[in-house]
Amino acid sequence: SERARLAFPIRDGIPIMLVDEARK
């Protein structure tokens, strides 16, 4: 997410769409 400056991981084929799990 360019606007939020966050990178959400995909683990075992599942997108993890939690802000707390995202990398800044």
PDBML (XML) file of the C-alpha atoms, coordinates in Angstrom:
<?xml version="1.0" encoding="UTF-8" ?>
<PDBx:datablock datablockName="MODEL"
   xmlns:PDBx="http://pdbml.pdb.org/schema/pdbx-v50.xsd"
   xmlns:xsi="http://www.w3.org/2001/XMLSchema-instance"
   xsi:schemaLocation="http://pdbml.pdb.org/schema/pdbx-v50.xsd pdbx-v50.xsd">
   <PDBx:atom_siteCategory>
      <PDBx:atom_site id="1">
         <PDBx:B_iso_or_equiv>0.00</PDBx:B_iso_or_equiv>
         <PDBx:Cartn_x>0.000</PDBx:Cartn_x>
         <PDBx:Cartn_y>0.000</PDBx:Cartn_y>
         <PDBx:Cartn_z>0.000</PDBx:Cartn_z>
         <PDBx:auth_asym_id>A</PDBx:auth_asym_id>
         <PDBx:auth_atom_id>CA</PDBx:auth_atom_id>
         <PDBx:auth_comp_id>SER</PDBx:auth_comp_id>
         <PDBx:auth_seq_id>1</PDBx:auth_seq_id>
         <PDBx:group_PDB>ATOM</PDBx:group_PDB>
         <PDBx:label_alt_id xsi:nil="true" />
         <PDBx:label_asym_id>A</PDBx:label_asym_id>
         <PDBx:label_atom_id>CA</PDBx:label_atom_id>
         <PDBx:label_comp_id>SER</PDBx:label_comp_id>
         <PDBx:label_entity_id>1</PDBx:label_entity_id>
         <PDBx:label_seq_id>1</PDBx:label_seq_id>
         <PDBx:occupancy>1.00</PDBx:occupancy>
         <PDBx:pdbx_PDB_model_num>1</PDBx:pdbx_PDB_model_num>
         <PDBx:type_symbol>C</PDBx:type_symbol>
      </PDBx:atom_site>
      <PDBx:atom_site id="2">
         <PDBx:B_iso_or_equiv>0.00</PDBx:B_iso_or_equiv>
         <PDBx:Cartn_x>1.857</PDBx:Cartn_x>
         <PDBx:Cartn_y>3.062</PDBx:Cartn_y>
         <PDBx:Cartn_z>-1.273</PDBx:Cartn_z>
         <PDBx:auth_asym_id>A</PDBx:auth_asym_id>
         <PDBx:auth_atom_id>CA</PDBx:auth_atom_id>
         <PDBx:auth_comp_id>GLU</PDBx:auth_comp_id>
         <PDBx:auth_seq_id>2</PDBx:auth_seq_id>
         <PDBx:group_PDB>ATOM</PDBx:group_PDB>
         <PDBx:label_alt_id xsi:nil="true" />
         <PDBx:label_asym_id>A</PDBx:label_asym_id>
         <PDBx:label_atom_id>CA</PDBx:label_atom_id>
         <PDBx:label_comp_id>GLU</PDBx:label_comp_id>
         <PDBx:label_entity_id>1</PDBx:label_entity_id>
         <PDBx:label_seq_id>2</PDBx:label_seq_id>
         <PDBx:occupancy>1.00</PDBx:occupancy>
         <PDBx:pdbx_PDB_model_num>1</PDBx:pdbx_PDB_model_num>
         <PDBx:type_symbol>C</PDBx:type_symbol>
      </PDBx:atom_site>
      <PDBx:atom_site id="3">
         <PDBx:B_iso_or_equiv>0.00</PDBx:B_iso_or_equiv>
         <PDBx:Cartn_x>-0.570</PDBx:Cartn_x>
         <PDBx:Cartn_y>5.485</PDBx:Cartn_y>
         <PDBx:Cartn_z>0.431</PDBx:Cartn_z>
         <PDBx:auth_asym_id>A</PDBx:auth_asym_id>
         <PDBx:auth_atom_id>CA</PDBx:auth_atom_id>
         <PDBx:auth_comp_id>ARG</PDBx:auth_comp_id>
         <PDBx:auth_seq_id>3</PDBx:auth_seq_id>
         <PDBx:group_PDB>ATOM</PDBx:group_PDB>
         <PDBx:label_alt_id xsi:nil="true" />
         <PDBx:label_asym_id>A</PDBx:label_asym_id>
         <PDBx:label_atom_id>CA</PDBx:label_atom_id>
         <PDBx:label_comp_id>ARG</PDBx:label_comp_id>
         <PDBx:label_entity_id>1</PDBx:label_entity_id>
         <PDBx:label_seq_id>3</PDBx:label_seq_id>
         <PDBx:occupancy>1.00</PDBx:occupancy>
         <PDBx:pdbx_PDB_model_num>1</PDBx:pdbx_PDB_model_num>
         <PDBx:type_symbol>C</PDBx:type_symbol>
      </PDBx:atom_site>
      <PDBx:atom_site id="4">
         <PDBx:B_iso_or_equiv>0.00</PDBx:B_iso_or_equiv>
         <PDBx:Cartn_x>-0.239</PDBx:Cartn_x>
         <PDBx:Cartn_y>3.851</PDBx:Cartn_y>
         <PDBx:Cartn_z>3.856</PDBx:Cartn_z>
         <PDBx:auth_asym_id>A</PDBx:auth_asym_id>
         <PDBx:auth_atom_id>CA</PDBx:auth_atom_id>
         <PDBx:auth_comp_id>ALA</PDBx:auth_comp_id>
         <PDBx:auth_seq_id>4</PDBx:auth_seq_id>
         <PDBx:group_PDB>ATOM</PDBx:group_PDB>
         <PDBx:label_alt_id xsi:nil="true" />
         <PDBx:label_asym_id>A</PDBx:label_asym_id>
         <PDBx:label_atom_id>CA</PDBx:label_atom_id>
         <PDBx:label_comp_id>ALA</PDBx:label_comp_id>
         <PDBx:label_entity_id>1</PDBx:label_entity_id>
         <PDBx:label_seq_id>4</PDBx:label_seq_id>
         <PDBx:occupancy>1.00</PDBx:occupancy>
         <PDBx:pdbx_PDB_model_num>1</PDBx:pdbx_PDB_model_num>
         <PDBx:type_symbol>C</PDBx:type_symbol>
      </PDBx:atom_site>
      <PDBx:atom_site id="5">
         <PDBx:B_iso_or_equiv>0.00</PDBx:B_iso_or_equiv>
         <PDBx:Cartn_x>3.474</PDBx:Cartn_x>
         <PDBx:Cartn_y>3.047</PDBx:Cartn_y>
         <PDBx:Cartn_z>3.323</PDBx:Cartn_z>
         <PDBx:auth_asym_id>A</PDBx:auth_asym_id>
         <PDBx:auth_atom_id>CA</PDBx:auth_atom_id>
         <PDBx:auth_comp_id>ARG</PDBx:auth_comp_id>
         <PDBx:auth_seq_id>5</PDBx:auth_seq_id>
         <PDBx:group_PDB>ATOM</PDBx:group_PDB>
         <PDBx:label_alt_id xsi:nil="true" />
         <PDBx:label_asym_id>A</PDBx:label_asym_id>
         <PDBx:label_atom_id>CA</PDBx:label_atom_id>
         <PDBx:label_comp_id>ARG</PDBx:label_comp_id>
         <PDBx:label_entity_id>1</PDBx:label_entity_id>
         <PDBx:label_seq_id>5</PDBx:label_seq_id>
         <PDBx:occupancy>1.00</PDBx:occupancy>
         <PDBx:pdbx_PDB_model_num>1</PDBx:pdbx_PDB_model_num>
         <PDBx:type_symbol>C</PDBx:type_symbol>
      </PDBx:atom_site>
      <PDBx:atom_site id="6">
         <PDBx:B_iso_or_equiv>0.00</PDBx:B_iso_or_equiv>
         <PDBx:Cartn_x>2.801</PDBx:Cartn_x>
         <PDBx:Cartn_y>-0.548</PDBx:Cartn_y>
         <PDBx:Cartn_z>4.468</PDBx:Cartn_z>
         <PDBx:auth_asym_id>A</PDBx:auth_asym_id>
         <PDBx:auth_atom_id>CA</PDBx:auth_atom_id>
         <PDBx:auth_comp_id>LEU</PDBx:auth_comp_id>
         <PDBx:auth_seq_id>6</PDBx:auth_seq_id>
         <PDBx:group_PDB>ATOM</PDBx:group_PDB>
         <PDBx:label_alt_id xsi:nil="true" />
         <PDBx:label_asym_id>A</PDBx:label_asym_id>
         <PDBx:label_atom_id>CA</PDBx:label_atom_id>
         <PDBx:label_comp_id>LEU</PDBx:label_comp_id>
         <PDBx:label_entity_id>1</PDBx:label_entity_id>
         <PDBx:label_seq_id>6</PDBx:label_seq_id>
         <PDBx:occupancy>1.00</PDBx:occupancy>
         <PDBx:pdbx_PDB_model_num>1</PDBx:pdbx_PDB_model_num>
         <PDBx:type_symbol>C</PDBx:type_symbol>
      </PDBx:atom_site>
      <PDBx:atom_site id="7">
         <PDBx:B_iso_or_equiv>0.00</PDBx:B_iso_or_equiv>
         <PDBx:Cartn_x>3.688</PDBx:Cartn_x>
         <PDBx:Cartn_y>-3.983</PDBx:Cartn_y>
         <PDBx:Cartn_z>3.076</PDBx:Cartn_z>
         <PDBx:auth_asym_id>A</PDBx:auth_asym_id>
         <PDBx:auth_atom_id>CA</PDBx:auth_atom_id>
         <PDBx:auth_comp_id>ALA</PDBx:auth_comp_id>
         <PDBx:auth_seq_id>7</PDBx:auth_seq_id>
         <PDBx:group_PDB>ATOM</PDBx:group_PDB>
         <PDBx:label_alt_id xsi:nil="true" />
         <PDBx:label_asym_id>A</PDBx:label_asym_id>
         <PDBx:label_atom_id>CA</PDBx:label_atom_id>
         <PDBx:label_comp_id>ALA</PDBx:label_comp_id>
         <PDBx:label_entity_id>1</PDBx:label_entity_id>
         <PDBx:label_seq_id>7</PDBx:label_seq_id>
         <PDBx:occupancy>1.00</PDBx:occupancy>
         <PDBx:pdbx_PDB_model_num>1</PDBx:pdbx_PDB_model_num>
         <PDBx:type_symbol>C</PDBx:type_symbol>
      </PDBx:atom_site>
      <PDBx:atom_site id="8">
         <PDBx:B_iso_or_equiv>0.00</PDBx:B_iso_or_equiv>
         <PDBx:Cartn_x>1.299</PDBx:Cartn_x>
         <PDBx:Cartn_y>-6.819</PDBx:Cartn_y>
         <PDBx:Cartn_z>3.926</PDBx:Cartn_z>
         <PDBx:auth_asym_id>A</PDBx:auth_asym_id>
         <PDBx:auth_atom_id>CA</PDBx:auth_atom_id>
         <PDBx:auth_comp_id>PHE</PDBx:auth_comp_id>
         <PDBx:auth_seq_id>8</PDBx:auth_seq_id>
         <PDBx:group_PDB>ATOM</PDBx:group_PDB>
         <PDBx:label_alt_id xsi:nil="true" />
         <PDBx:label_asym_id>A</PDBx:label_asym_id>
         <PDBx:label_atom_id>CA</PDBx:label_atom_id>
         <PDBx:label_comp_id>PHE</PDBx:label_comp_id>
         <PDBx:label_entity_id>1</PDBx:label_entity_id>
         <PDBx:label_seq_id>8</PDBx:label_seq_id>
         <PDBx:occupancy>1.00</PDBx:occupancy>
         <PDBx:pdbx_PDB_model_num>1</PDBx:pdbx_PDB_model_num>
         <PDBx:type_symbol>C</PDBx:type_symbol>
      </PDBx:atom_site>
      <PDBx:atom_site id="9">
         <PDBx:B_iso_or_equiv>0.00</PDBx:B_iso_or_equiv>
         <PDBx:Cartn_x>2.879</PDBx:Cartn_x>
         <PDBx:Cartn_y>-10.292</PDBx:Cartn_y>
         <PDBx:Cartn_z>3.916</PDBx:Cartn_z>
         <PDBx:auth_asym_id>A</PDBx:auth_asym_id>
         <PDBx:auth_atom_id>CA</PDBx:auth_atom_id>
         <PDBx:auth_comp_id>PRO</PDBx:auth_comp_id>
         <PDBx:auth_seq_id>9</PDBx:auth_seq_id>
         <PDBx:group_PDB>ATOM</PDBx:group_PDB>
         <PDBx:label_alt_id xsi:nil="true" />
         <PDBx:label_asym_id>A</PDBx:label_asym_id>
         <PDBx:label_atom_id>CA</PDBx:label_atom_id>
         <PDBx:label_comp_id>PRO</PDBx:label_comp_id>
         <PDBx:label_entity_id>1</PDBx:label_entity_id>
         <PDBx:label_seq_id>9</PDBx:label_seq_id>
         <PDBx:occupancy>1.00</PDBx:occupancy>
         <PDBx:pdbx_PDB_model_num>1</PDBx:pdbx_PDB_model_num>
         <PDBx:type_symbol>C</PDBx:type_symbol>
      </PDBx:atom_site>
      <PDBx:atom_site id="10">
         <PDBx:B_iso_or_equiv>0.00</PDBx:B_iso_or_equiv>
         <PDBx:Cartn_x>1.555</PDBx:Cartn_x>
         <PDBx:Cartn_y>-13.341</PDBx:Cartn_y>
         <PDBx:Cartn_z>2.104</PDBx:Cartn_z>
         <PDBx:auth_asym_id>A</PDBx:auth_asym_id>
         <PDBx:auth_atom_id>CA</PDBx:auth_atom_id>
         <PDBx:auth_comp_id>ILE</PDBx:auth_comp_id>
         <PDBx:auth_seq_id>10</PDBx:auth_seq_id>
         <PDBx:group_PDB>ATOM</PDBx:group_PDB>
         <PDBx:label_alt_id xsi:nil="true" />
         <PDBx:label_asym_id>A</PDBx:label_asym_id>
         <PDBx:label_atom_id>CA</PDBx:label_atom_id>
         <PDBx:label_comp_id>ILE</PDBx:label_comp_id>
         <PDBx:label_entity_id>1</PDBx:label_entity_id>
         <PDBx:label_seq_id>10</PDBx:label_seq_id>
         <PDBx:occupancy>1.00</PDBx:occupancy>
         <PDBx:pdbx_PDB_model_num>1</PDBx:pdbx_PDB_model_num>
         <PDBx:type_symbol>C</PDBx:type_symbol>
      </PDBx:atom_site>
      <PDBx:atom_site id="11">
         <PDBx:B_iso_or_equiv>0.00</PDBx:B_iso_or_equiv>
         <PDBx:Cartn_x>2.150</PDBx:Cartn_x>
         <PDBx:Cartn_y>-16.446</PDBx:Cartn_y>
         <PDBx:Cartn_z>4.245</PDBx:Cartn_z>
         <PDBx:auth_asym_id>A</PDBx:auth_asym_id>
         <PDBx:auth_atom_id>CA</PDBx:auth_atom_id>
         <PDBx:auth_comp_id>ARG</PDBx:auth_comp_id>
         <PDBx:auth_seq_id>11</PDBx:auth_seq_id>
         <PDBx:group_PDB>ATOM</PDBx:group_PDB>
         <PDBx:label_alt_id xsi:nil="true" />
         <PDBx:label_asym_id>A</PDBx:label_asym_id>
         <PDBx:label_atom_id>CA</PDBx:label_atom_id>
         <PDBx:label_comp_id>ARG</PDBx:label_comp_id>
         <PDBx:label_entity_id>1</PDBx:label_entity_id>
         <PDBx:label_seq_id>11</PDBx:label_seq_id>
         <PDBx:occupancy>1.00</PDBx:occupancy>
         <PDBx:pdbx_PDB_model_num>1</PDBx:pdbx_PDB_model_num>
         <PDBx:type_symbol>C</PDBx:type_symbol>
      </PDBx:atom_site>
      <PDBx:atom_site id="12">
         <PDBx:B_iso_or_equiv>0.00</PDBx:B_iso_or_equiv>
         <PDBx:Cartn_x>1.432</PDBx:Cartn_x>
         <PDBx:Cartn_y>-19.935</PDBx:Cartn_y>
         <PDBx:Cartn_z>2.948</PDBx:Cartn_z>
         <PDBx:auth_asym_id>A</PDBx:auth_asym_id>
         <PDBx:auth_atom_id>CA</PDBx:auth_atom_id>
         <PDBx:auth_comp_id>ASP</PDBx:auth_comp_id>
         <PDBx:auth_seq_id>12</PDBx:auth_seq_id>
         <PDBx:group_PDB>ATOM</PDBx:group_PDB>
         <PDBx:label_alt_id xsi:nil="true" />
         <PDBx:label_asym_id>A</PDBx:label_asym_id>
         <PDBx:label_atom_id>CA</PDBx:label_atom_id>
         <PDBx:label_comp_id>ASP</PDBx:label_comp_id>
         <PDBx:label_entity_id>1</PDBx:label_entity_id>
         <PDBx:label_seq_id>12</PDBx:label_seq_id>
         <PDBx:occupancy>1.00</PDBx:occupancy>
         <PDBx:pdbx_PDB_model_num>1</PDBx:pdbx_PDB_model_num>
         <PDBx:type_symbol>C</PDBx:type_symbol>
      </PDBx:atom_site>
      <PDBx:atom_site id="13">
         <PDBx:B_iso_or_equiv>0.00</PDBx:B_iso_or_equiv>
         <PDBx:Cartn_x>-0.607</PDBx:Cartn_x>
         <PDBx:Cartn_y>-18.370</PDBx:Cartn_y>
         <PDBx:Cartn_z>0.162</PDBx:Cartn_z>
         <PDBx:auth_asym_id>A</PDBx:auth_asym_id>
         <PDBx:auth_atom_id>CA</PDBx:auth_atom_id>
         <PDBx:auth_comp_id>GLY</PDBx:auth_comp_id>
         <PDBx:auth_seq_id>13</PDBx:auth_seq_id>
         <PDBx:group_PDB>ATOM</PDBx:group_PDB>
         <PDBx:label_alt_id xsi:nil="true" />
         <PDBx:label_asym_id>A</PDBx:label_asym_id>
         <PDBx:label_atom_id>CA</PDBx:label_atom_id>
         <PDBx:label_comp_id>GLY</PDBx:label_comp_id>
         <PDBx:label_entity_id>1</PDBx:label_entity_id>
         <PDBx:label_seq_id>13</PDBx:label_seq_id>
         <PDBx:occupancy>1.00</PDBx:occupancy>
         <PDBx:pdbx_PDB_model_num>1</PDBx:pdbx_PDB_model_num>
         <PDBx:type_symbol>C</PDBx:type_symbol>
      </PDBx:atom_site>
      <PDBx:atom_site id="14">
         <PDBx:B_iso_or_equiv>0.00</PDBx:B_iso_or_equiv>
         <PDBx:Cartn_x>-2.741</PDBx:Cartn_x>
         <PDBx:Cartn_y>-16.292</PDBx:Cartn_y>
         <PDBx:Cartn_z>2.540</PDBx:Cartn_z>
         <PDBx:auth_asym_id>A</PDBx:auth_asym_id>
         <PDBx:auth_atom_id>CA</PDBx:auth_atom_id>
         <PDBx:auth_comp_id>ILE</PDBx:auth_comp_id>
         <PDBx:auth_seq_id>14</PDBx:auth_seq_id>
         <PDBx:group_PDB>ATOM</PDBx:group_PDB>
         <PDBx:label_alt_id xsi:nil="true" />
         <PDBx:label_asym_id>A</PDBx:label_asym_id>
         <PDBx:label_atom_id>CA</PDBx:label_atom_id>
         <PDBx:label_comp_id>ILE</PDBx:label_comp_id>
         <PDBx:label_entity_id>1</PDBx:label_entity_id>
         <PDBx:label_seq_id>14</PDBx:label_seq_id>
         <PDBx:occupancy>1.00</PDBx:occupancy>
         <PDBx:pdbx_PDB_model_num>1</PDBx:pdbx_PDB_model_num>
         <PDBx:type_symbol>C</PDBx:type_symbol>
      </PDBx:atom_site>
      <PDBx:atom_site id="15">
         <PDBx:B_iso_or_equiv>0.00</PDBx:B_iso_or_equiv>
         <PDBx:Cartn_x>-2.544</PDBx:Cartn_x>
         <PDBx:Cartn_y>-12.478</PDBx:Cartn_y>
         <PDBx:Cartn_z>2.453</PDBx:Cartn_z>
         <PDBx:auth_asym_id>A</PDBx:auth_asym_id>
         <PDBx:auth_atom_id>CA</PDBx:auth_atom_id>
         <PDBx:auth_comp_id>PRO</PDBx:auth_comp_id>
         <PDBx:auth_seq_id>15</PDBx:auth_seq_id>
         <PDBx:group_PDB>ATOM</PDBx:group_PDB>
         <PDBx:label_alt_id xsi:nil="true" />
         <PDBx:label_asym_id>A</PDBx:label_asym_id>
         <PDBx:label_atom_id>CA</PDBx:label_atom_id>
         <PDBx:label_comp_id>PRO</PDBx:label_comp_id>
         <PDBx:label_entity_id>1</PDBx:label_entity_id>
         <PDBx:label_seq_id>15</PDBx:label_seq_id>
         <PDBx:occupancy>1.00</PDBx:occupancy>
         <PDBx:pdbx_PDB_model_num>1</PDBx:pdbx_PDB_model_num>
         <PDBx:type_symbol>C</PDBx:type_symbol>
      </PDBx:atom_site>
      <PDBx:atom_site id="16">
         <PDBx:B_iso_or_equiv>0.00</PDBx:B_iso_or_equiv>
         <PDBx:Cartn_x>-2.245</PDBx:Cartn_x>
         <PDBx:Cartn_y>-11.193</PDBx:Cartn_y>
         <PDBx:Cartn_z>6.024</PDBx:Cartn_z>
         <PDBx:auth_asym_id>A</PDBx:auth_asym_id>
         <PDBx:auth_atom_id>CA</PDBx:auth_atom_id>
         <PDBx:auth_comp_id>ILE</PDBx:auth_comp_id>
         <PDBx:auth_seq_id>16</PDBx:auth_seq_id>
         <PDBx:group_PDB>ATOM</PDBx:group_PDB>
         <PDBx:label_alt_id xsi:nil="true" />
         <PDBx:label_asym_id>A</PDBx:label_asym_id>
         <PDBx:label_atom_id>CA</PDBx:label_atom_id>
         <PDBx:label_comp_id>ILE</PDBx:label_comp_id>
         <PDBx:label_entity_id>1</PDBx:label_entity_id>
         <PDBx:label_seq_id>16</PDBx:label_seq_id>
         <PDBx:occupancy>1.00</PDBx:occupancy>
         <PDBx:pdbx_PDB_model_num>1</PDBx:pdbx_PDB_model_num>
         <PDBx:type_symbol>C</PDBx:type_symbol>
      </PDBx:atom_site>
      <PDBx:atom_site id="17">
         <PDBx:B_iso_or_equiv>0.00</PDBx:B_iso_or_equiv>
         <PDBx:Cartn_x>-4.237</PDBx:Cartn_x>
         <PDBx:Cartn_y>-7.962</PDBx:Cartn_y>
         <PDBx:Cartn_z>5.901</PDBx:Cartn_z>
         <PDBx:auth_asym_id>A</PDBx:auth_asym_id>
         <PDBx:auth_atom_id>CA</PDBx:auth_atom_id>
         <PDBx:auth_comp_id>MET</PDBx:auth_comp_id>
         <PDBx:auth_seq_id>17</PDBx:auth_seq_id>
         <PDBx:group_PDB>ATOM</PDBx:group_PDB>
         <PDBx:label_alt_id xsi:nil="true" />
         <PDBx:label_asym_id>A</PDBx:label_asym_id>
         <PDBx:label_atom_id>CA</PDBx:label_atom_id>
         <PDBx:label_comp_id>MET</PDBx:label_comp_id>
         <PDBx:label_entity_id>1</PDBx:label_entity_id>
         <PDBx:label_seq_id>17</PDBx:label_seq_id>
         <PDBx:occupancy>1.00</PDBx:occupancy>
         <PDBx:pdbx_PDB_model_num>1</PDBx:pdbx_PDB_model_num>
         <PDBx:type_symbol>C</PDBx:type_symbol>
      </PDBx:atom_site>
      <PDBx:atom_site id="18">
         <PDBx:B_iso_or_equiv>0.00</PDBx:B_iso_or_equiv>
         <PDBx:Cartn_x>-3.672</PDBx:Cartn_x>
         <PDBx:Cartn_y>-6.803</PDBx:Cartn_y>
         <PDBx:Cartn_z>9.479</PDBx:Cartn_z>
         <PDBx:auth_asym_id>A</PDBx:auth_asym_id>
         <PDBx:auth_atom_id>CA</PDBx:auth_atom_id>
         <PDBx:auth_comp_id>LEU</PDBx:auth_comp_id>
         <PDBx:auth_seq_id>18</PDBx:auth_seq_id>
         <PDBx:group_PDB>ATOM</PDBx:group_PDB>
         <PDBx:label_alt_id xsi:nil="true" />
         <PDBx:label_asym_id>A</PDBx:label_asym_id>
         <PDBx:label_atom_id>CA</PDBx:label_atom_id>
         <PDBx:label_comp_id>LEU</PDBx:label_comp_id>
         <PDBx:label_entity_id>1</PDBx:label_entity_id>
         <PDBx:label_seq_id>18</PDBx:label_seq_id>
         <PDBx:occupancy>1.00</PDBx:occupancy>
         <PDBx:pdbx_PDB_model_num>1</PDBx:pdbx_PDB_model_num>
         <PDBx:type_symbol>C</PDBx:type_symbol>
      </PDBx:atom_site>
      <PDBx:atom_site id="19">
         <PDBx:B_iso_or_equiv>0.00</PDBx:B_iso_or_equiv>
         <PDBx:Cartn_x>-2.007</PDBx:Cartn_x>
         <PDBx:Cartn_y>-3.424</PDBx:Cartn_y>
         <PDBx:Cartn_z>10.022</PDBx:Cartn_z>
         <PDBx:auth_asym_id>A</PDBx:auth_asym_id>
         <PDBx:auth_atom_id>CA</PDBx:auth_atom_id>
         <PDBx:auth_comp_id>VAL</PDBx:auth_comp_id>
         <PDBx:auth_seq_id>19</PDBx:auth_seq_id>
         <PDBx:group_PDB>ATOM</PDBx:group_PDB>
         <PDBx:label_alt_id xsi:nil="true" />
         <PDBx:label_asym_id>A</PDBx:label_asym_id>
         <PDBx:label_atom_id>CA</PDBx:label_atom_id>
         <PDBx:label_comp_id>VAL</PDBx:label_comp_id>
         <PDBx:label_entity_id>1</PDBx:label_entity_id>
         <PDBx:label_seq_id>19</PDBx:label_seq_id>
         <PDBx:occupancy>1.00</PDBx:occupancy>
         <PDBx:pdbx_PDB_model_num>1</PDBx:pdbx_PDB_model_num>
         <PDBx:type_symbol>C</PDBx:type_symbol>
      </PDBx:atom_site>
      <PDBx:atom_site id="20">
         <PDBx:B_iso_or_equiv>0.00</PDBx:B_iso_or_equiv>
         <PDBx:Cartn_x>-0.233</PDBx:Cartn_x>
         <PDBx:Cartn_y>-4.844</PDBx:Cartn_y>
         <PDBx:Cartn_z>13.093</PDBx:Cartn_z>
         <PDBx:auth_asym_id>A</PDBx:auth_asym_id>
         <PDBx:auth_atom_id>CA</PDBx:auth_atom_id>
         <PDBx:auth_comp_id>ASP</PDBx:auth_comp_id>
         <PDBx:auth_seq_id>20</PDBx:auth_seq_id>
         <PDBx:group_PDB>ATOM</PDBx:group_PDB>
         <PDBx:label_alt_id xsi:nil="true" />
         <PDBx:label_asym_id>A</PDBx:label_asym_id>
         <PDBx:label_atom_id>CA</PDBx:label_atom_id>
         <PDBx:label_comp_id>ASP</PDBx:label_comp_id>
         <PDBx:label_entity_id>1</PDBx:label_entity_id>
         <PDBx:label_seq_id>20</PDBx:label_seq_id>
         <PDBx:occupancy>1.00</PDBx:occupancy>
         <PDBx:pdbx_PDB_model_num>1</PDBx:pdbx_PDB_model_num>
         <PDBx:type_symbol>C</PDBx:type_symbol>
      </PDBx:atom_site>
      <PDBx:atom_site id="21">
         <PDBx:B_iso_or_equiv>0.00</PDBx:B_iso_or_equiv>
         <PDBx:Cartn_x>1.352</PDBx:Cartn_x>
         <PDBx:Cartn_y>-7.552</PDBx:Cartn_y>
         <PDBx:Cartn_z>10.904</PDBx:Cartn_z>
         <PDBx:auth_asym_id>A</PDBx:auth_asym_id>
         <PDBx:auth_atom_id>CA</PDBx:auth_atom_id>
         <PDBx:auth_comp_id>GLU</PDBx:auth_comp_id>
         <PDBx:auth_seq_id>21</PDBx:auth_seq_id>
         <PDBx:group_PDB>ATOM</PDBx:group_PDB>
         <PDBx:label_alt_id xsi:nil="true" />
         <PDBx:label_asym_id>A</PDBx:label_asym_id>
         <PDBx:label_atom_id>CA</PDBx:label_atom_id>
         <PDBx:label_comp_id>GLU</PDBx:label_comp_id>
         <PDBx:label_entity_id>1</PDBx:label_entity_id>
         <PDBx:label_seq_id>21</PDBx:label_seq_id>
         <PDBx:occupancy>1.00</PDBx:occupancy>
         <PDBx:pdbx_PDB_model_num>1</PDBx:pdbx_PDB_model_num>
         <PDBx:type_symbol>C</PDBx:type_symbol>
      </PDBx:atom_site>
      <PDBx:atom_site id="22">
         <PDBx:B_iso_or_equiv>0.00</PDBx:B_iso_or_equiv>
         <PDBx:Cartn_x>2.383</PDBx:Cartn_x>
         <PDBx:Cartn_y>-5.173</PDBx:Cartn_y>
         <PDBx:Cartn_z>8.092</PDBx:Cartn_z>
         <PDBx:auth_asym_id>A</PDBx:auth_asym_id>
         <PDBx:auth_atom_id>CA</PDBx:auth_atom_id>
         <PDBx:auth_comp_id>ALA</PDBx:auth_comp_id>
         <PDBx:auth_seq_id>22</PDBx:auth_seq_id>
         <PDBx:group_PDB>ATOM</PDBx:group_PDB>
         <PDBx:label_alt_id xsi:nil="true" />
         <PDBx:label_asym_id>A</PDBx:label_asym_id>
         <PDBx:label_atom_id>CA</PDBx:label_atom_id>
         <PDBx:label_comp_id>ALA</PDBx:label_comp_id>
         <PDBx:label_entity_id>1</PDBx:label_entity_id>
         <PDBx:label_seq_id>22</PDBx:label_seq_id>
         <PDBx:occupancy>1.00</PDBx:occupancy>
         <PDBx:pdbx_PDB_model_num>1</PDBx:pdbx_PDB_model_num>
         <PDBx:type_symbol>C</PDBx:type_symbol>
      </PDBx:atom_site>
      <PDBx:atom_site id="23">
         <PDBx:B_iso_or_equiv>0.00</PDBx:B_iso_or_equiv>
         <PDBx:Cartn_x>5.929</PDBx:Cartn_x>
         <PDBx:Cartn_y>-4.013</PDBx:Cartn_y>
         <PDBx:Cartn_z>7.534</PDBx:Cartn_z>
         <PDBx:auth_asym_id>A</PDBx:auth_asym_id>
         <PDBx:auth_atom_id>CA</PDBx:auth_atom_id>
         <PDBx:auth_comp_id>ARG</PDBx:auth_comp_id>
         <PDBx:auth_seq_id>23</PDBx:auth_seq_id>
         <PDBx:group_PDB>ATOM</PDBx:group_PDB>
         <PDBx:label_alt_id xsi:nil="true" />
         <PDBx:label_asym_id>A</PDBx:label_asym_id>
         <PDBx:label_atom_id>CA</PDBx:label_atom_id>
         <PDBx:label_comp_id>ARG</PDBx:label_comp_id>
         <PDBx:label_entity_id>1</PDBx:label_entity_id>
         <PDBx:label_seq_id>23</PDBx:label_seq_id>
         <PDBx:occupancy>1.00</PDBx:occupancy>
         <PDBx:pdbx_PDB_model_num>1</PDBx:pdbx_PDB_model_num>
         <PDBx:type_symbol>C</PDBx:type_symbol>
      </PDBx:atom_site>
      <PDBx:atom_site id="24">
         <PDBx:B_iso_or_equiv>0.00</PDBx:B_iso_or_equiv>
         <PDBx:Cartn_x>6.427</PDBx:Cartn_x>
         <PDBx:Cartn_y>-0.237</PDBx:Cartn_y>
         <PDBx:Cartn_z>7.432</PDBx:Cartn_z>
         <PDBx:auth_asym_id>A</PDBx:auth_asym_id>
         <PDBx:auth_atom_id>CA</PDBx:auth_atom_id>
         <PDBx:auth_comp_id>LYS</PDBx:auth_comp_id>
         <PDBx:auth_seq_id>24</PDBx:auth_seq_id>
         <PDBx:group_PDB>ATOM</PDBx:group_PDB>
         <PDBx:label_alt_id xsi:nil="true" />
         <PDBx:label_asym_id>A</PDBx:label_asym_id>
         <PDBx:label_atom_id>CA</PDBx:label_atom_id>
         <PDBx:label_comp_id>LYS</PDBx:label_comp_id>
         <PDBx:label_entity_id>1</PDBx:label_entity_id>
         <PDBx:label_seq_id>24</PDBx:label_seq_id>
         <PDBx:occupancy>1.00</PDBx:occupancy>
         <PDBx:pdbx_PDB_model_num>1</PDBx:pdbx_PDB_model_num>
         <PDBx:type_symbol>C</PDBx:type_symbol>
      </PDBx:atom_site>
   </PDBx:atom_siteCategory>
</PDBx:datablock>
